[in-house]
Amino acid sequence: AQAASKVFEDNLKKRLLKAHQLMAKDQLEKEEKKFNLWSDFRMRGLGMALGMLILVVLAGIVAYPLLPAPTVQGYILKNSVRAISFNAPIKITFSQPMNNDSVEKAFLIDPAVSGKFNWSGNTLMYTPDTTFKIGDTYKVSIGREAKSFLQKPLDSDYIEYYKIVKAPQVILMTPNDKSVNQSSEEKITIMF
């Protein structure tokens, strides 16, 4: 009887183990299907993203030659002399966003004056460490190695002369500074 009980118990354990294995296999197959669905979804998403990236890159390659080269705005007269105040920075505005490092490396001022670069949008401002000397003229140039944000080189070399002058003086002001009870409609004139 004990032997029969042992055989029965062993058979029961084998059946339970087999049932457990079948359930585990079934559960494993269900989890595998879920994973495959998620994997397919991710792969399709990655494929679409990769396709869009390739499309954007190709559009950029096709459009790049059509983009205009950057220019310096307001720079029409070659070798012109621009008067600026002794305490003002040299300001140069470009027609499009620039690669700041390339512009700063291409910037030359003669006679050499140490200073700092600051950017505001597309405008480069060069402020000397000490004020410019009144009466001096500085040659400022930026070579074609200056590039736009999209790496297009400057259209042409920029060369301009800056004559350093005193700060403007007010020579006429109406109404004068001693006027009182002026109407808000009265015109104000200031001449330098």
N, C-alpha and C. Protein backbone atom coordinates (compact mmCIF):
# COMPACT_ATOMS: atom_id res chain seq x y z
N ALA A 1 0.82 -1.19 0.00
CA ALA A 1 0.00 0.00 0.00
C ALA A 1 0.86 1.24 0.00
N GLN A 2 1.97 1.13 0.73
CA GLN A 2 2.87 2.28 0.76
C GLN A 2 3.50 2.49 -0.61
N ALA A 3 3.83 1.42 -1.28
CA ALA A 3 4.45 1.52 -2.61
C ALA A 3 3.45 2.11 -3.59
N ALA A 4 2.18 1.70 -3.50
CA ALA A 4 1.15 2.23 -4.40
C ALA A 4 0.95 3.71 -4.13
N SER A 5 1.00 4.08 -2.87
CA SER A 5 0.84 5.48 -2.50
C SER A 5 2.00 6.30 -3.04
N LYS A 6 3.19 5.74 -2.96
CA LYS A 6 4.40 6.42 -3.47
C LYS A 6 4.30 6.60 -4.98
N VAL A 7 3.86 5.58 -5.72
CA VAL A 7 3.71 5.64 -7.17
C VAL A 7 2.66 6.70 -7.52
N PHE A 8 1.52 6.66 -6.75
CA PHE A 8 0.46 7.63 -7.00
C PHE A 8 0.99 9.06 -6.78
N GLU A 9 1.74 9.24 -5.70
CA GLU A 9 2.30 10.56 -5.37
C GLU A 9 3.28 11.01 -6.44
N ASP A 10 4.14 10.11 -6.93
CA ASP A 10 5.10 10.44 -7.99
C ASP A 10 4.38 10.81 -9.27
N ASN A 11 3.32 10.01 -9.62
CA ASN A 11 2.55 10.32 -10.83
C ASN A 11 1.87 11.68 -10.71
N LEU A 12 1.33 11.96 -9.53
CA LEU A 12 0.68 13.25 -9.30
C LEU A 12 1.68 14.39 -9.45
N LYS A 13 2.88 14.23 -8.88
CA LYS A 13 3.91 15.26 -9.00
C LYS A 13 4.30 15.48 -10.47
N LYS A 14 4.44 14.37 -11.22
CA LYS A 14 4.80 14.48 -12.64
C LYS A 14 3.71 15.21 -13.41
N ARG A 15 2.43 14.86 -13.12
CA ARG A 15 1.32 15.52 -13.81
C ARG A 15 1.25 17.02 -13.45
N LEU A 16 1.43 17.30 -12.17
CA LEU A 16 1.41 18.71 -11.75
C LEU A 16 2.57 19.49 -12.40
N LEU A 17 3.74 18.85 -12.45
CA LEU A 17 4.91 19.50 -13.07
C LEU A 17 4.66 19.74 -14.55
N LYS A 18 4.06 18.71 -15.21
CA LYS A 18 3.76 18.85 -16.64
C LYS A 18 2.72 19.94 -16.86
N ALA A 19 1.69 19.97 -16.02
CA ALA A 19 0.65 21.02 -16.12
C ALA A 19 1.27 22.40 -15.90
N HIS A 20 2.14 22.47 -14.90
CA HIS A 20 2.81 23.74 -14.61
C HIS A 20 3.67 24.17 -15.81
N GLN A 21 4.39 23.23 -16.40
CA GLN A 21 5.23 23.54 -17.55
C GLN A 21 4.38 24.00 -18.73
N LEU A 22 3.22 23.31 -18.96
CA LEU A 22 2.33 23.71 -20.05
C LEU A 22 1.78 25.11 -19.82
N MET A 23 1.38 25.41 -18.57
CA MET A 23 0.87 26.74 -18.25
C MET A 23 1.97 27.78 -18.42
N ALA A 24 3.16 27.45 -17.97
CA ALA A 24 4.28 28.38 -18.11
C ALA A 24 4.61 28.61 -19.57
N LYS A 25 4.55 27.52 -20.35
CA LYS A 25 4.83 27.64 -21.78
C LYS A 25 3.78 28.52 -22.44
N ASP A 26 2.51 28.30 -22.09
CA ASP A 26 1.41 29.10 -22.63
C ASP A 26 1.58 30.57 -22.24
N GLN A 27 1.90 30.80 -20.97
CA GLN A 27 2.12 32.17 -20.49
C GLN A 27 3.31 32.80 -21.20
N LEU A 28 4.36 32.02 -21.38
CA LEU A 28 5.56 32.50 -22.07
C LEU A 28 5.24 32.88 -23.51
N GLU A 29 4.42 32.05 -24.18
CA GLU A 29 4.03 32.36 -25.56
C GLU A 29 3.22 33.65 -25.62
N LYS A 30 2.31 33.86 -24.65
CA LYS A 30 1.52 35.10 -24.60
C LYS A 30 2.44 36.31 -24.41
N GLU A 31 3.38 36.20 -23.49
CA GLU A 31 4.31 37.31 -23.24
C GLU A 31 5.19 37.58 -24.47
N GLU A 32 5.57 36.49 -25.14
CA GLU A 32 6.39 36.64 -26.34
C GLU A 32 5.62 37.37 -27.44
N LYS A 33 4.33 37.06 -27.59
CA LYS A 33 3.49 37.75 -28.58
C LYS A 33 3.39 39.23 -28.26
N LYS A 34 3.18 39.53 -26.96
CA LYS A 34 3.10 40.95 -26.54
C LYS A 34 4.41 41.66 -26.89
N PHE A 35 5.53 41.01 -26.57
CA PHE A 35 6.84 41.60 -26.85
C PHE A 35 7.03 41.82 -28.34
N ASN A 36 6.65 40.84 -29.15
CA ASN A 36 6.79 40.96 -30.60
C ASN A 36 5.94 42.09 -31.15
N LEU A 37 4.71 42.24 -30.62
CA LEU A 37 3.86 43.35 -31.06
C LEU A 37 4.51 44.68 -30.71
N TRP A 38 5.00 44.82 -29.47
CA TRP A 38 5.66 46.05 -29.04
C TRP A 38 6.92 46.30 -29.86
N SER A 39 7.66 45.24 -30.11
CA SER A 39 8.89 45.34 -30.89
C SER A 39 8.58 45.80 -32.31
N ASP A 40 7.53 45.20 -32.92
CA ASP A 40 7.12 45.62 -34.27
C ASP A 40 6.72 47.08 -34.29
N PHE A 41 5.95 47.49 -33.27
CA PHE A 41 5.51 48.88 -33.17
C PHE A 41 6.71 49.82 -33.06
N ARG A 42 7.67 49.47 -32.19
CA ARG A 42 8.87 50.30 -32.02
C ARG A 42 9.67 50.36 -33.30
N MET A 43 9.82 49.24 -33.98
CA MET A 43 10.60 49.21 -35.21
C MET A 43 9.94 50.06 -36.30
N ARG A 44 8.60 49.98 -36.37
CA ARG A 44 7.90 50.82 -37.36
C ARG A 44 8.11 52.30 -37.03
N GLY A 45 8.01 52.64 -35.74
CA GLY A 45 8.21 54.03 -35.32
C GLY A 45 9.63 54.50 -35.63
N LEU A 46 10.59 53.65 -35.35
CA LEU A 46 11.98 54.00 -35.65
C LEU A 46 12.19 54.13 -37.15
N GLY A 47 11.56 53.23 -37.89
CA GLY A 47 11.67 53.30 -39.35
C GLY A 47 11.10 54.59 -39.89
N MET A 48 9.94 55.00 -39.35
CA MET A 48 9.34 56.26 -39.80
C MET A 48 10.22 57.45 -39.42
N ALA A 49 10.74 57.43 -38.21
CA ALA A 49 11.61 58.53 -37.77
C ALA A 49 12.87 58.60 -38.63
N LEU A 50 13.45 57.45 -38.93
CA LEU A 50 14.63 57.42 -39.78
C LEU A 50 14.31 57.92 -41.18
N GLY A 51 13.16 57.52 -41.69
CA GLY A 51 12.73 57.99 -43.01
C GLY A 51 12.56 59.51 -43.04
N MET A 52 11.97 60.08 -41.98
CA MET A 52 11.79 61.54 -41.91
C MET A 52 13.15 62.24 -41.83
N LEU A 53 14.06 61.67 -41.05
CA LEU A 53 15.39 62.25 -40.93
C LEU A 53 16.10 62.26 -42.28
N ILE A 54 16.02 61.16 -43.00
CA ILE A 54 16.65 61.09 -44.33
C ILE A 54 16.01 62.12 -45.25
N LEU A 55 14.70 62.27 -45.19
CA LEU A 55 13.99 63.25 -46.02
C LEU A 55 14.45 64.68 -45.70
N VAL A 56 14.58 64.99 -44.43
CA VAL A 56 15.03 66.34 -44.02
C VAL A 56 16.46 66.58 -44.49
N VAL A 57 17.32 65.60 -44.33
CA VAL A 57 18.73 65.75 -44.76
C VAL A 57 18.80 65.95 -46.27
N LEU A 58 18.05 65.16 -47.01
CA LEU A 58 18.05 65.31 -48.47
C LEU A 58 17.51 66.68 -48.89
N ALA A 59 16.45 67.13 -48.23
CA ALA A 59 15.90 68.46 -48.55
C ALA A 59 16.95 69.54 -48.27
N GLY A 60 17.69 69.39 -47.15
CA GLY A 60 18.74 70.35 -46.83
C GLY A 60 19.85 70.35 -47.87
N ILE A 61 20.22 69.17 -48.33
CA ILE A 61 21.29 69.06 -49.33
C ILE A 61 20.85 69.70 -50.64
N VAL A 62 19.61 69.48 -51.01
CA VAL A 62 19.08 70.05 -52.26
C VAL A 62 18.95 71.57 -52.13
N ALA A 63 18.48 72.05 -50.96
CA ALA A 63 18.22 73.48 -50.79
C ALA A 63 19.47 74.28 -50.46
N TYR A 64 20.52 73.66 -49.92
CA TYR A 64 21.71 74.39 -49.47
C TYR A 64 22.30 75.31 -50.54
N PRO A 65 22.48 74.83 -51.79
CA PRO A 65 23.04 75.74 -52.80
C PRO A 65 22.14 76.94 -53.10
N LEU A 66 20.86 76.83 -52.81
CA LEU A 66 19.93 77.92 -53.09
C LEU A 66 19.95 79.00 -52.01
N LEU A 67 20.50 78.68 -50.84
CA LEU A 67 20.56 79.65 -49.76
C LEU A 67 21.57 80.75 -50.10
N PRO A 68 21.20 82.01 -49.87
CA PRO A 68 22.16 83.08 -50.16
C PRO A 68 23.29 83.11 -49.14
N ALA A 69 24.43 83.58 -49.58
CA ALA A 69 25.57 83.75 -48.68
C ALA A 69 25.27 84.93 -47.76
N PRO A 70 25.78 84.91 -46.54
CA PRO A 70 25.54 86.03 -45.64
C PRO A 70 26.29 87.28 -46.11
N THR A 71 25.73 88.42 -45.80
CA THR A 71 26.36 89.70 -46.12
C THR A 71 26.33 90.59 -44.88
N VAL A 72 27.09 91.67 -44.93
CA VAL A 72 27.03 92.67 -43.86
C VAL A 72 25.98 93.69 -44.28
N GLN A 73 24.98 93.90 -43.43
CA GLN A 73 23.90 94.83 -43.76
C GLN A 73 24.39 96.27 -43.68
N GLY A 74 23.92 97.08 -44.61
CA GLY A 74 24.28 98.48 -44.63
C GLY A 74 25.68 98.74 -45.16
N TYR A 75 26.32 97.72 -45.69
CA TYR A 75 27.68 97.86 -46.20
C TYR A 75 27.62 97.90 -47.72
N ILE A 76 27.51 99.12 -48.25
CA ILE A 76 27.39 99.28 -49.69
C ILE A 76 28.64 99.94 -50.26
N LEU A 77 29.08 100.98 -49.60
CA LEU A 77 30.23 101.73 -50.10
C LEU A 77 31.52 101.08 -49.61
N LYS A 78 32.24 100.49 -50.53
CA LYS A 78 33.51 99.87 -50.15
C LYS A 78 34.49 100.97 -49.73
N ASN A 79 35.32 100.64 -48.74
CA ASN A 79 36.32 101.58 -48.22
C ASN A 79 35.69 102.87 -47.69
N SER A 80 34.48 102.77 -47.19
CA SER A 80 33.85 103.96 -46.61
C SER A 80 34.42 104.20 -45.21
N VAL A 81 34.24 105.43 -44.73
CA VAL A 81 34.69 105.78 -43.39
C VAL A 81 33.45 106.10 -42.57
N ARG A 82 33.31 105.39 -41.49
CA ARG A 82 32.14 105.57 -40.61
C ARG A 82 32.63 106.25 -39.33
N ALA A 83 31.98 107.33 -38.93
CA ALA A 83 32.35 108.03 -37.70
C ALA A 83 31.60 107.41 -36.53
N ILE A 84 32.35 107.08 -35.48
CA ILE A 84 31.71 106.57 -34.25
C ILE A 84 32.33 107.28 -33.06
N SER A 85 31.54 107.35 -31.99
CA SER A 85 31.99 108.00 -30.76
C SER A 85 33.10 107.17 -30.11
N PHE A 86 33.99 107.86 -29.41
CA PHE A 86 35.15 107.21 -28.78
C PHE A 86 34.73 106.14 -27.77
N ASN A 87 33.53 106.24 -27.23
CA ASN A 87 33.10 105.27 -26.22
C ASN A 87 32.04 104.29 -26.74
N ALA A 88 31.87 104.24 -28.05
CA ALA A 88 30.89 103.33 -28.65
C ALA A 88 31.58 102.07 -29.16
N PRO A 89 30.86 100.96 -29.16
CA PRO A 89 31.45 99.74 -29.74
C PRO A 89 31.35 99.79 -31.27
N ILE A 90 32.16 99.00 -31.92
CA ILE A 90 32.02 98.81 -33.36
C ILE A 90 30.90 97.79 -33.55
N LYS A 91 29.88 98.15 -34.33
CA LYS A 91 28.74 97.27 -34.55
C LYS A 91 28.70 96.85 -36.01
N ILE A 92 28.56 95.54 -36.22
CA ILE A 92 28.47 95.00 -37.57
C ILE A 92 27.27 94.04 -37.58
N THR A 93 26.30 94.31 -38.45
CA THR A 93 25.09 93.50 -38.51
C THR A 93 25.11 92.65 -39.78
N PHE A 94 24.84 91.37 -39.62
CA PHE A 94 24.84 90.43 -40.73
C PHE A 94 23.41 90.14 -41.18
N SER A 95 23.27 89.69 -42.42
CA SER A 95 21.96 89.43 -43.01
C SER A 95 21.31 88.15 -42.50
N GLN A 96 22.06 87.31 -41.79
CA GLN A 96 21.51 86.06 -41.27
C GLN A 96 22.32 85.62 -40.06
N PRO A 97 21.79 84.66 -39.29
CA PRO A 97 22.54 84.19 -38.12
C PRO A 97 23.91 83.65 -38.53
N MET A 98 24.90 83.97 -37.72
CA MET A 98 26.27 83.61 -38.04
C MET A 98 26.82 82.61 -37.03
N ASN A 99 27.87 81.90 -37.46
CA ASN A 99 28.65 81.06 -36.57
C ASN A 99 29.60 82.02 -35.85
N ASN A 100 29.26 82.36 -34.61
CA ASN A 100 29.97 83.42 -33.89
C ASN A 100 31.48 83.19 -33.83
N ASP A 101 31.89 81.96 -33.55
CA ASP A 101 33.33 81.66 -33.43
C ASP A 101 34.06 81.95 -34.73
N SER A 102 33.48 81.56 -35.87
CA SER A 102 34.17 81.78 -37.15
C SER A 102 34.29 83.27 -37.46
N VAL A 103 33.27 84.05 -37.10
CA VAL A 103 33.32 85.51 -37.34
C VAL A 103 34.38 86.14 -36.45
N GLU A 104 34.41 85.76 -35.19
CA GLU A 104 35.38 86.34 -34.26
C GLU A 104 36.81 86.00 -34.66
N LYS A 105 37.02 84.80 -35.20
CA LYS A 105 38.37 84.42 -35.66
C LYS A 105 38.76 85.18 -36.92
N ALA A 106 37.77 85.55 -37.75
CA ALA A 106 38.05 86.25 -39.01
C ALA A 106 38.12 87.78 -38.81
N PHE A 107 37.80 88.27 -37.62
CA PHE A 107 37.76 89.70 -37.31
C PHE A 107 39.17 90.23 -37.09
N LEU A 108 39.51 91.32 -37.77
CA LEU A 108 40.79 92.00 -37.57
C LEU A 108 40.55 93.50 -37.41
N ILE A 109 41.29 94.11 -36.51
CA ILE A 109 41.23 95.57 -36.35
C ILE A 109 42.67 96.08 -36.39
N ASP A 110 42.88 97.14 -37.18
CA ASP A 110 44.22 97.70 -37.37
C ASP A 110 44.15 99.22 -37.23
N PRO A 111 44.91 99.82 -36.31
CA PRO A 111 45.86 99.20 -35.41
C PRO A 111 45.15 98.30 -34.39
N ALA A 112 45.87 97.27 -33.96
CA ALA A 112 45.30 96.28 -33.05
C ALA A 112 44.87 96.91 -31.73
N VAL A 113 43.68 96.55 -31.29
CA VAL A 113 43.12 97.02 -30.02
C VAL A 113 42.46 95.82 -29.37
N SER A 114 42.88 95.51 -28.14
CA SER A 114 42.25 94.37 -27.47
C SER A 114 40.83 94.75 -27.05
N GLY A 115 39.95 93.76 -27.07
CA GLY A 115 38.57 94.03 -26.73
C GLY A 115 37.78 92.75 -26.58
N LYS A 116 36.48 92.93 -26.43
CA LYS A 116 35.57 91.80 -26.22
C LYS A 116 34.48 91.81 -27.27
N PHE A 117 34.05 90.59 -27.64
CA PHE A 117 32.95 90.42 -28.58
C PHE A 117 31.66 90.17 -27.81
N ASN A 118 30.59 90.77 -28.27
CA ASN A 118 29.25 90.51 -27.75
C ASN A 118 28.33 90.38 -28.95
N TRP A 119 27.33 89.53 -28.83
CA TRP A 119 26.38 89.33 -29.92
C TRP A 119 24.97 89.65 -29.44
N SER A 120 24.22 90.29 -30.30
CA SER A 120 22.80 90.52 -30.07
C SER A 120 22.10 90.16 -31.37
N GLY A 121 21.54 88.97 -31.42
CA GLY A 121 20.93 88.50 -32.68
C GLY A 121 22.01 88.34 -33.73
N ASN A 122 21.84 89.03 -34.86
CA ASN A 122 22.80 88.96 -35.97
C ASN A 122 23.85 90.08 -35.90
N THR A 123 23.88 90.82 -34.81
CA THR A 123 24.79 91.96 -34.69
C THR A 123 25.97 91.64 -33.78
N LEU A 124 27.17 91.83 -34.33
CA LEU A 124 28.41 91.69 -33.58
C LEU A 124 28.78 93.06 -33.04
N MET A 125 29.12 93.12 -31.76
CA MET A 125 29.59 94.36 -31.16
C MET A 125 30.99 94.10 -30.59
N TYR A 126 31.94 94.91 -31.03
CA TYR A 126 33.31 94.80 -30.54
C TYR A 126 33.57 96.01 -29.66
N THR A 127 33.77 95.75 -28.36
CA THR A 127 34.01 96.82 -27.40
C THR A 127 35.46 96.74 -26.96
N PRO A 128 36.24 97.83 -27.17
CA PRO A 128 37.65 97.79 -26.76
C PRO A 128 37.78 97.78 -25.24
N ASP A 129 38.88 97.22 -24.77
CA ASP A 129 39.13 97.18 -23.32
C ASP A 129 39.32 98.59 -22.76
N THR A 130 39.88 99.49 -23.57
CA THR A 130 39.98 100.91 -23.21
C THR A 130 39.30 101.68 -24.34
N THR A 131 38.89 102.92 -24.07
CA THR A 131 38.18 103.68 -25.10
C THR A 131 39.10 103.93 -26.30
N PHE A 132 38.45 104.05 -27.46
CA PHE A 132 39.20 104.38 -28.67
C PHE A 132 39.79 105.77 -28.52
N LYS A 133 40.89 106.02 -29.20
CA LYS A 133 41.56 107.33 -29.15
C LYS A 133 40.90 108.26 -30.17
N ILE A 134 40.42 109.39 -29.70
CA ILE A 134 39.75 110.37 -30.56
C ILE A 134 40.71 110.83 -31.64
N GLY A 135 40.21 110.87 -32.87
CA GLY A 135 41.01 111.30 -34.02
C GLY A 135 41.63 110.15 -34.79
N ASP A 136 41.77 108.99 -34.18
CA ASP A 136 42.35 107.83 -34.88
C ASP A 136 41.33 107.19 -35.82
N THR A 137 41.85 106.51 -36.82
CA THR A 137 41.00 105.74 -37.74
C THR A 137 41.44 104.29 -37.66
N TYR A 138 40.46 103.41 -37.53
CA TYR A 138 40.72 101.97 -37.41
C TYR A 138 40.15 101.25 -38.62
N LYS A 139 40.95 100.36 -39.16
CA LYS A 139 40.50 99.52 -40.28
C LYS A 139 39.98 98.22 -39.68
N VAL A 140 38.72 97.90 -39.97
CA VAL A 140 38.11 96.66 -39.47
C VAL A 140 37.82 95.78 -40.67
N SER A 141 38.24 94.53 -40.58
CA SER A 141 37.97 93.60 -41.68
C SER A 141 37.51 92.26 -41.12
N ILE A 142 36.67 91.61 -41.91
CA ILE A 142 36.22 90.25 -41.62
C ILE A 142 36.35 89.49 -42.92
N GLY A 143 37.16 88.45 -42.92
CA GLY A 143 37.41 87.67 -44.12
C GLY A 143 36.28 86.70 -44.44
N ARG A 144 36.37 86.11 -45.62
CA ARG A 144 35.35 85.17 -46.08
C ARG A 144 35.33 83.87 -45.29
N GLU A 145 36.32 83.67 -44.43
CA GLU A 145 36.29 82.47 -43.60
C GLU A 145 35.21 82.55 -42.52
N ALA A 146 34.62 83.75 -42.35
CA ALA A 146 33.47 83.89 -41.46
C ALA A 146 32.28 83.19 -42.12
N LYS A 147 31.59 82.37 -41.34
CA LYS A 147 30.52 81.55 -41.90
C LYS A 147 29.20 81.79 -41.17
N SER A 148 28.13 81.53 -41.91
CA SER A 148 26.80 81.63 -41.31
C SER A 148 26.56 80.43 -40.41
N PHE A 149 25.46 80.45 -39.72
CA PHE A 149 25.06 79.34 -38.86
C PHE A 149 24.99 78.05 -39.67
N LEU A 150 24.62 78.15 -40.95
CA LEU A 150 24.53 76.99 -41.84
C LEU A 150 25.82 76.75 -42.61
N GLN A 151 26.92 77.40 -42.18
CA GLN A 151 28.26 77.20 -42.72
C GLN A 151 28.46 77.76 -44.12
N LYS A 152 27.65 78.73 -44.54
CA LYS A 152 27.87 79.42 -45.81
C LYS A 152 28.90 80.51 -45.55
N PRO A 153 29.94 80.63 -46.41
CA PRO A 153 30.94 81.69 -46.19
C PRO A 153 30.37 83.08 -46.51
N LEU A 154 30.94 84.08 -45.89
CA LEU A 154 30.57 85.47 -46.13
C LEU A 154 30.66 85.76 -47.62
N ASP A 155 29.71 86.53 -48.16
CA ASP A 155 29.62 86.83 -49.60
C ASP A 155 30.92 87.42 -50.13
N SER A 156 31.50 88.34 -49.38
CA SER A 156 32.77 88.96 -49.78
C SER A 156 33.48 89.45 -48.52
N ASP A 157 34.76 89.75 -48.66
CA ASP A 157 35.49 90.30 -47.52
C ASP A 157 34.85 91.63 -47.12
N TYR A 158 34.75 91.84 -45.83
CA TYR A 158 34.22 93.10 -45.30
C TYR A 158 35.40 93.93 -44.83
N ILE A 159 35.50 95.16 -45.36
CA ILE A 159 36.54 96.10 -44.91
C ILE A 159 35.88 97.46 -44.75
N GLU A 160 36.00 98.02 -43.58
CA GLU A 160 35.43 99.34 -43.34
C GLU A 160 36.34 100.10 -42.37
N TYR A 161 36.36 101.41 -42.51
CA TYR A 161 37.19 102.26 -41.67
C TYR A 161 36.29 102.99 -40.68
N TYR A 162 36.75 103.07 -39.45
CA TYR A 162 36.00 103.75 -38.39
C TYR A 162 36.83 104.91 -37.87
N LYS A 163 36.31 106.13 -38.05
CA LYS A 163 36.96 107.36 -37.54
C LYS A 163 36.37 107.64 -36.17
N ILE A 164 37.24 107.80 -35.19
CA ILE A 164 36.80 107.99 -33.81
C ILE A 164 36.64 109.49 -33.55
N VAL A 165 35.45 109.85 -33.09
CA VAL A 165 35.12 111.26 -32.85
C VAL A 165 34.66 111.43 -31.40
N LYS A 166 34.59 112.69 -30.98
CA LYS A 166 34.06 113.00 -29.65
C LYS A 166 32.58 112.63 -29.61
N ALA A 167 32.08 112.49 -28.42
CA ALA A 167 30.65 112.26 -28.26
C ALA A 167 29.92 113.49 -28.80
N PRO A 168 28.77 113.32 -29.40
CA PRO A 168 28.05 114.47 -29.96
C PRO A 168 27.69 115.48 -28.86
N GLN A 169 27.76 116.74 -29.23
CA GLN A 169 27.42 117.82 -28.30
C GLN A 169 26.11 118.45 -28.75
N VAL A 170 25.25 118.77 -27.81
CA VAL A 170 23.99 119.45 -28.13
C VAL A 170 24.32 120.92 -28.39
N ILE A 171 23.95 121.42 -29.59
CA ILE A 171 24.23 122.82 -29.90
C ILE A 171 22.96 123.68 -29.88
N LEU A 172 21.80 123.02 -29.97
CA LEU A 172 20.55 123.77 -29.92
C LEU A 172 19.46 122.86 -29.39
N MET A 173 18.64 123.44 -28.48
CA MET A 173 17.53 122.67 -27.93
C MET A 173 16.36 123.62 -27.72
N THR A 174 15.20 123.28 -28.28
CA THR A 174 14.00 124.08 -28.05
C THR A 174 12.88 123.15 -27.62
N PRO A 175 12.10 123.51 -26.67
CA PRO A 175 12.27 124.67 -25.80
C PRO A 175 13.56 124.52 -24.98
N ASN A 176 14.10 125.64 -24.50
CA ASN A 176 15.37 125.56 -23.78
C ASN A 176 15.17 124.98 -22.39
N ASP A 177 16.27 124.69 -21.74
CA ASP A 177 16.20 124.01 -20.45
C ASP A 177 15.64 124.88 -19.33
N LYS A 178 15.43 126.19 -19.56
CA LYS A 178 14.88 127.07 -18.54
C LYS A 178 13.38 127.29 -18.75
N SER A 179 12.81 126.71 -19.78
CA SER A 179 11.38 126.87 -20.07
C SER A 179 10.54 126.15 -19.02
N VAL A 180 9.41 126.78 -18.70
CA VAL A 180 8.47 126.19 -17.73
C VAL A 180 7.08 126.20 -18.32
N ASN A 181 6.22 125.36 -17.80
CA ASN A 181 4.82 125.29 -18.21
C ASN A 181 4.66 125.13 -19.72
N GLN A 182 5.37 124.22 -20.29
CA GLN A 182 5.27 123.96 -21.73
C GLN A 182 4.10 123.03 -22.00
N SER A 183 3.45 123.25 -23.10
CA SER A 183 2.33 122.41 -23.52
C SER A 183 2.86 121.04 -23.97
N SER A 184 2.07 120.00 -23.73
CA SER A 184 2.48 118.67 -24.18
C SER A 184 2.41 118.56 -25.70
N GLU A 185 1.78 119.51 -26.35
CA GLU A 185 1.67 119.53 -27.81
C GLU A 185 2.85 120.23 -28.47
N GLU A 186 3.66 120.95 -27.68
CA GLU A 186 4.78 121.71 -28.24
C GLU A 186 5.86 120.79 -28.77
N LYS A 187 6.41 121.17 -29.92
CA LYS A 187 7.47 120.39 -30.56
C LYS A 187 8.77 120.54 -29.80
N ILE A 188 9.51 119.44 -29.72
CA ILE A 188 10.83 119.46 -29.10
C ILE A 188 11.86 119.24 -30.20
N THR A 189 12.88 120.11 -30.24
CA THR A 189 13.93 120.01 -31.24
C THR A 189 15.28 119.96 -30.54
N ILE A 190 16.11 119.03 -30.97
CA ILE A 190 17.48 118.93 -30.44
C ILE A 190 18.41 118.80 -31.63
N MET A 191 19.42 119.69 -31.70
CA MET A 191 20.42 119.63 -32.76
C MET A 191 21.77 119.33 -32.14
N PHE A 192 22.51 118.45 -32.83
CA PHE A 192 23.85 118.09 -32.38
C PHE A 192 24.88 118.73 -33.25
